[in-house]
Amino acid sequence: MTIRFVKLVTRCEKQPLQRKLNMKRINPETKTGKVFTALKEGQTLTASEARKRFGVGNLAAEASRIRQAGYAVYANTRKAANNVTVTEYELGRPSREIVALGFKAKSMGITL
């Protein structure tokens, strides 16, 4: 005779798993998706480039949405030829420190 243990999954336990599965999905037809696709192809974007190419009014907000989806978006500032400070956004790999902080938060029970 074999005894099987069945774990009952309540609605509360199921929601974080579903949310985690949807975490990295970005619709490529939205402005966020278009910005993400450009960054994923290795391009850097400035606010003026994003406005002209994709109609994005606030590139910082789009970068924040992509970060919330679990991707490392870096904002680098530089001086343009006309002495104006420009912020360029690029997709990269998270540093070891950031990954370690994520694991630490997860071990402490902190979730999204």
N, C-alpha and C. Protein backbone atom coordinates (compact mmCIF):
# COMPACT_ATOMS: atom_id res chain seq x y z
N MET A 1 0.84 -1.16 0.00
CA MET A 1 0.00 0.00 0.00
C MET A 1 0.90 1.25 0.00
N THR A 2 0.62 2.15 -0.92
CA THR A 2 1.39 3.38 -1.04
C THR A 2 0.58 4.54 -0.51
N ILE A 3 1.21 5.36 0.29
CA ILE A 3 0.54 6.54 0.83
C ILE A 3 1.08 7.76 0.09
N ARG A 4 0.18 8.56 -0.45
CA ARG A 4 0.58 9.77 -1.15
C ARG A 4 0.15 10.98 -0.33
N PHE A 5 1.05 11.93 -0.27
CA PHE A 5 0.73 13.18 0.40
C PHE A 5 0.42 14.21 -0.67
N VAL A 6 -0.72 14.81 -0.56
CA VAL A 6 -1.13 15.83 -1.52
C VAL A 6 -1.18 17.17 -0.80
N LYS A 7 -0.48 18.13 -1.35
CA LYS A 7 -0.48 19.46 -0.76
C LYS A 7 -1.64 20.24 -1.36
N LEU A 8 -2.46 20.78 -0.51
CA LEU A 8 -3.55 21.62 -0.98
C LEU A 8 -3.02 23.02 -1.23
N VAL A 9 -3.29 23.53 -2.41
CA VAL A 9 -2.81 24.86 -2.78
C VAL A 9 -3.97 25.82 -2.64
N THR A 10 -3.79 26.79 -1.78
CA THR A 10 -4.82 27.78 -1.61
C THR A 10 -4.63 28.89 -2.62
N ARG A 11 -5.60 29.74 -2.75
CA ARG A 11 -5.55 30.83 -3.70
C ARG A 11 -4.40 31.79 -3.36
N CYS A 12 -4.15 32.02 -2.09
CA CYS A 12 -3.08 32.93 -1.67
C CYS A 12 -1.71 32.40 -2.06
N GLU A 13 -1.52 31.08 -1.99
CA GLU A 13 -0.23 30.50 -2.35
C GLU A 13 -0.02 30.51 -3.85
N LYS A 14 -1.09 30.48 -4.62
CA LYS A 14 -0.99 30.39 -6.05
C LYS A 14 -0.63 31.73 -6.70
N GLN A 15 -1.09 32.83 -6.16
CA GLN A 15 -0.90 34.13 -6.78
C GLN A 15 0.55 34.53 -6.95
N PRO A 16 1.42 34.41 -5.93
CA PRO A 16 2.82 34.80 -6.15
C PRO A 16 3.48 34.01 -7.26
N LEU A 17 3.18 32.71 -7.40
CA LEU A 17 3.75 31.90 -8.45
C LEU A 17 3.32 32.42 -9.82
N GLN A 18 2.04 32.70 -9.98
CA GLN A 18 1.55 33.22 -11.25
C GLN A 18 2.18 34.56 -11.56
N ARG A 19 2.32 35.40 -10.56
CA ARG A 19 2.93 36.71 -10.76
C ARG A 19 4.39 36.56 -11.18
N LYS A 20 5.07 35.60 -10.57
CA LYS A 20 6.47 35.37 -10.89
C LYS A 20 6.63 34.88 -12.33
N LEU A 21 5.72 34.05 -12.79
CA LEU A 21 5.80 33.54 -14.15
C LEU A 21 5.59 34.65 -15.18
N ASN A 22 4.76 35.63 -14.87
CA ASN A 22 4.48 36.72 -15.79
C ASN A 22 5.49 37.86 -15.67
N MET A 23 6.46 37.72 -14.81
CA MET A 23 7.36 38.80 -14.49
C MET A 23 8.17 39.30 -15.69
N LYS A 24 8.63 38.43 -16.55
CA LYS A 24 9.52 38.83 -17.62
C LYS A 24 8.81 38.99 -18.97
N ARG A 25 7.52 38.99 -19.00
CA ARG A 25 6.81 39.15 -20.26
C ARG A 25 6.55 40.62 -20.52
N ILE A 26 7.05 41.09 -21.65
CA ILE A 26 6.81 42.47 -22.07
C ILE A 26 6.22 42.40 -23.46
N ASN A 27 5.05 42.99 -23.63
CA ASN A 27 4.37 42.97 -24.92
C ASN A 27 5.17 43.80 -25.93
N PRO A 28 5.66 43.19 -27.01
CA PRO A 28 6.50 43.91 -27.97
C PRO A 28 5.76 44.97 -28.78
N GLU A 29 4.44 45.00 -28.70
CA GLU A 29 3.68 45.98 -29.47
C GLU A 29 3.49 47.30 -28.72
N THR A 30 3.79 47.32 -27.43
CA THR A 30 3.64 48.54 -26.65
C THR A 30 4.90 49.39 -26.76
N LYS A 31 4.83 50.62 -26.28
CA LYS A 31 6.01 51.48 -26.29
C LYS A 31 7.11 50.88 -25.43
N THR A 32 6.72 50.33 -24.30
CA THR A 32 7.71 49.68 -23.43
C THR A 32 8.38 48.53 -24.16
N GLY A 33 7.60 47.75 -24.89
CA GLY A 33 8.13 46.63 -25.64
C GLY A 33 9.08 47.06 -26.75
N LYS A 34 8.75 48.16 -27.40
CA LYS A 34 9.63 48.67 -28.46
C LYS A 34 10.95 49.17 -27.90
N VAL A 35 10.88 49.86 -26.76
CA VAL A 35 12.10 50.32 -26.10
C VAL A 35 12.92 49.11 -25.64
N PHE A 36 12.26 48.12 -25.05
CA PHE A 36 12.95 46.91 -24.59
C PHE A 36 13.62 46.18 -25.74
N THR A 37 12.93 46.07 -26.87
CA THR A 37 13.50 45.39 -28.03
C THR A 37 14.75 46.10 -28.51
N ALA A 38 14.70 47.42 -28.57
CA ALA A 38 15.88 48.19 -29.00
C ALA A 38 17.04 47.99 -28.03
N LEU A 39 16.75 48.02 -26.74
CA LEU A 39 17.80 47.82 -25.74
C LEU A 39 18.36 46.40 -25.81
N LYS A 40 17.48 45.43 -26.03
CA LYS A 40 17.89 44.04 -26.10
C LYS A 40 18.81 43.78 -27.30
N GLU A 41 18.62 44.55 -28.37
CA GLU A 41 19.47 44.43 -29.55
C GLU A 41 20.82 45.11 -29.37
N GLY A 42 21.05 45.69 -28.18
CA GLY A 42 22.34 46.29 -27.89
C GLY A 42 22.43 47.78 -28.15
N GLN A 43 21.32 48.41 -28.49
CA GLN A 43 21.32 49.84 -28.75
C GLN A 43 21.24 50.62 -27.44
N THR A 44 21.83 51.82 -27.43
CA THR A 44 21.62 52.73 -26.32
C THR A 44 20.60 53.76 -26.77
N LEU A 45 19.79 54.23 -25.85
CA LEU A 45 18.74 55.19 -26.18
C LEU A 45 18.82 56.41 -25.29
N THR A 46 18.62 57.58 -25.88
CA THR A 46 18.47 58.81 -25.12
C THR A 46 16.99 59.18 -25.18
N ALA A 47 16.59 60.14 -24.37
CA ALA A 47 15.18 60.55 -24.33
C ALA A 47 14.74 61.09 -25.69
N SER A 48 15.60 61.87 -26.34
CA SER A 48 15.20 62.44 -27.63
C SER A 48 15.10 61.36 -28.72
N GLU A 49 16.00 60.37 -28.69
CA GLU A 49 15.92 59.27 -29.65
C GLU A 49 14.63 58.46 -29.45
N ALA A 50 14.30 58.18 -28.19
CA ALA A 50 13.10 57.40 -27.88
C ALA A 50 11.85 58.16 -28.30
N ARG A 51 11.85 59.48 -28.11
CA ARG A 51 10.71 60.30 -28.51
C ARG A 51 10.52 60.26 -30.02
N LYS A 52 11.61 60.38 -30.76
CA LYS A 52 11.54 60.39 -32.23
C LYS A 52 11.18 59.02 -32.79
N ARG A 53 11.80 57.96 -32.27
CA ARG A 53 11.60 56.62 -32.84
C ARG A 53 10.34 55.92 -32.39
N PHE A 54 9.98 56.10 -31.10
CA PHE A 54 8.88 55.32 -30.54
C PHE A 54 7.74 56.16 -29.99
N GLY A 55 7.89 57.47 -29.95
CA GLY A 55 6.85 58.32 -29.38
C GLY A 55 6.79 58.27 -27.87
N VAL A 56 7.91 57.93 -27.23
CA VAL A 56 7.97 57.81 -25.78
C VAL A 56 8.26 59.18 -25.19
N GLY A 57 7.38 59.66 -24.33
CA GLY A 57 7.56 60.96 -23.71
C GLY A 57 8.45 60.93 -22.49
N ASN A 58 8.47 59.81 -21.78
CA ASN A 58 9.24 59.71 -20.54
C ASN A 58 10.03 58.40 -20.56
N LEU A 59 11.25 58.45 -21.06
CA LEU A 59 12.07 57.25 -21.18
C LEU A 59 12.44 56.68 -19.81
N ALA A 60 12.59 57.53 -18.81
CA ALA A 60 12.92 57.05 -17.46
C ALA A 60 11.81 56.14 -16.93
N ALA A 61 10.56 56.48 -17.22
CA ALA A 61 9.43 55.64 -16.77
C ALA A 61 9.42 54.30 -17.49
N GLU A 62 9.75 54.31 -18.77
CA GLU A 62 9.81 53.06 -19.53
C GLU A 62 10.94 52.18 -19.01
N ALA A 63 12.09 52.80 -18.70
CA ALA A 63 13.22 52.05 -18.14
C ALA A 63 12.82 51.44 -16.79
N SER A 64 12.06 52.19 -16.00
CA SER A 64 11.61 51.69 -14.71
C SER A 64 10.69 50.48 -14.87
N ARG A 65 9.81 50.51 -15.86
CA ARG A 65 8.92 49.37 -16.12
C ARG A 65 9.72 48.14 -16.52
N ILE A 66 10.74 48.34 -17.33
CA ILE A 66 11.58 47.22 -17.76
C ILE A 66 12.36 46.68 -16.56
N ARG A 67 12.83 47.54 -15.69
CA ARG A 67 13.52 47.10 -14.47
C ARG A 67 12.58 46.28 -13.59
N GLN A 68 11.32 46.73 -13.48
CA GLN A 68 10.35 46.01 -12.66
C GLN A 68 10.04 44.64 -13.23
N ALA A 69 10.28 44.46 -14.53
CA ALA A 69 10.08 43.15 -15.15
C ALA A 69 11.29 42.24 -14.92
N GLY A 70 12.32 42.76 -14.25
CA GLY A 70 13.44 41.92 -13.88
C GLY A 70 14.70 42.10 -14.70
N TYR A 71 14.79 43.12 -15.51
CA TYR A 71 15.96 43.34 -16.35
C TYR A 71 16.81 44.48 -15.79
N ALA A 72 18.11 44.42 -16.05
CA ALA A 72 19.03 45.44 -15.58
C ALA A 72 19.17 46.52 -16.66
N VAL A 73 18.58 47.67 -16.40
CA VAL A 73 18.69 48.80 -17.32
C VAL A 73 19.57 49.85 -16.64
N TYR A 74 20.63 50.23 -17.31
CA TYR A 74 21.57 51.18 -16.75
C TYR A 74 21.40 52.55 -17.40
N ALA A 75 21.47 53.58 -16.59
CA ALA A 75 21.39 54.97 -17.05
C ALA A 75 22.77 55.59 -16.88
N ASN A 76 23.38 55.95 -18.00
CA ASN A 76 24.71 56.56 -17.98
C ASN A 76 24.60 57.99 -18.49
N THR A 77 25.18 58.93 -17.77
CA THR A 77 25.14 60.33 -18.20
C THR A 77 26.44 60.69 -18.88
N ARG A 78 26.34 61.59 -19.85
CA ARG A 78 27.51 62.08 -20.57
C ARG A 78 27.23 63.51 -21.02
N LYS A 79 28.29 64.20 -21.40
CA LYS A 79 28.17 65.56 -21.92
C LYS A 79 28.11 65.47 -23.44
N ALA A 80 27.09 66.07 -24.03
CA ALA A 80 26.98 66.11 -25.49
C ALA A 80 27.92 67.19 -26.04
N ALA A 81 28.01 67.27 -27.36
CA ALA A 81 28.90 68.24 -28.01
C ALA A 81 28.54 69.68 -27.66
N ASN A 82 27.25 69.94 -27.43
CA ASN A 82 26.81 71.30 -27.09
C ASN A 82 26.83 71.56 -25.58
N ASN A 83 27.58 70.72 -24.83
CA ASN A 83 27.77 70.86 -23.39
C ASN A 83 26.49 70.62 -22.57
N VAL A 84 25.58 69.85 -23.11
CA VAL A 84 24.34 69.48 -22.41
C VAL A 84 24.51 68.07 -21.86
N THR A 85 24.05 67.85 -20.64
CA THR A 85 24.11 66.52 -20.03
C THR A 85 23.00 65.65 -20.60
N VAL A 86 23.38 64.49 -21.12
CA VAL A 86 22.44 63.56 -21.75
C VAL A 86 22.51 62.24 -21.00
N THR A 87 21.35 61.63 -20.77
CA THR A 87 21.29 60.31 -20.13
C THR A 87 21.02 59.26 -21.19
N GLU A 88 21.89 58.28 -21.28
CA GLU A 88 21.73 57.17 -22.21
C GLU A 88 21.35 55.92 -21.42
N TYR A 89 20.39 55.18 -21.93
CA TYR A 89 19.94 53.95 -21.28
C TYR A 89 20.42 52.76 -22.10
N GLU A 90 20.87 51.72 -21.38
CA GLU A 90 21.29 50.50 -22.04
C GLU A 90 20.94 49.30 -21.17
N LEU A 91 20.75 48.17 -21.82
CA LEU A 91 20.43 46.93 -21.13
C LEU A 91 21.74 46.22 -20.83
N GLY A 92 21.89 45.74 -19.61
CA GLY A 92 23.13 45.08 -19.24
C GLY A 92 22.88 43.91 -18.32
N ARG A 93 23.95 43.43 -17.76
CA ARG A 93 23.87 42.34 -16.80
C ARG A 93 23.97 42.94 -15.40
N PRO A 94 23.18 42.45 -14.47
CA PRO A 94 23.28 42.98 -13.11
C PRO A 94 24.62 42.61 -12.49
N SER A 95 25.12 43.48 -11.63
CA SER A 95 26.38 43.20 -10.95
C SER A 95 26.19 42.08 -9.94
N ARG A 96 27.27 41.49 -9.51
CA ARG A 96 27.20 40.42 -8.52
C ARG A 96 26.57 40.92 -7.23
N GLU A 97 26.84 42.17 -6.90
CA GLU A 97 26.29 42.75 -5.67
C GLU A 97 24.76 42.81 -5.72
N ILE A 98 24.22 43.22 -6.86
CA ILE A 98 22.76 43.31 -7.00
C ILE A 98 22.13 41.92 -6.94
N VAL A 99 22.75 40.94 -7.58
CA VAL A 99 22.24 39.57 -7.54
C VAL A 99 22.28 39.05 -6.10
N ALA A 100 23.37 39.33 -5.40
CA ALA A 100 23.49 38.90 -4.00
C ALA A 100 22.41 39.55 -3.14
N LEU A 101 22.15 40.83 -3.37
CA LEU A 101 21.08 41.51 -2.61
C LEU A 101 19.72 40.88 -2.89
N GLY A 102 19.48 40.50 -4.14
CA GLY A 102 18.22 39.84 -4.49
C GLY A 102 18.05 38.52 -3.75
N PHE A 103 19.11 37.73 -3.72
CA PHE A 103 19.05 36.45 -3.00
C PHE A 103 18.87 36.68 -1.50
N LYS A 104 19.55 37.70 -0.97
CA LYS A 104 19.42 38.00 0.45
C LYS A 104 17.97 38.40 0.79
N ALA A 105 17.38 39.26 -0.06
CA ALA A 105 16.00 39.67 0.16
C ALA A 105 15.06 38.48 0.09
N LYS A 106 15.31 37.60 -0.87
CA LYS A 106 14.46 36.43 -1.03
C LYS A 106 14.57 35.51 0.19
N SER A 107 15.78 35.36 0.71
CA SER A 107 15.95 34.50 1.89
C SER A 107 15.29 35.10 3.13
N MET A 108 15.12 36.43 3.13
CA MET A 108 14.46 37.09 4.26
C MET A 108 12.94 37.09 4.08
N GLY A 109 12.46 36.55 2.95
CA GLY A 109 11.02 36.47 2.72
C GLY A 109 10.45 37.70 2.03
N ILE A 110 11.29 38.57 1.52
CA ILE A 110 10.82 39.77 0.81
C ILE A 110 10.52 39.38 -0.63
N THR A 111 9.30 39.60 -1.07
CA THR A 111 8.90 39.26 -2.44
C THR A 111 8.24 40.46 -3.10
N LEU A 112 8.09 40.36 -4.38
CA LEU A 112 7.41 41.41 -5.15
C LEU A 112 5.92 41.28 -5.08
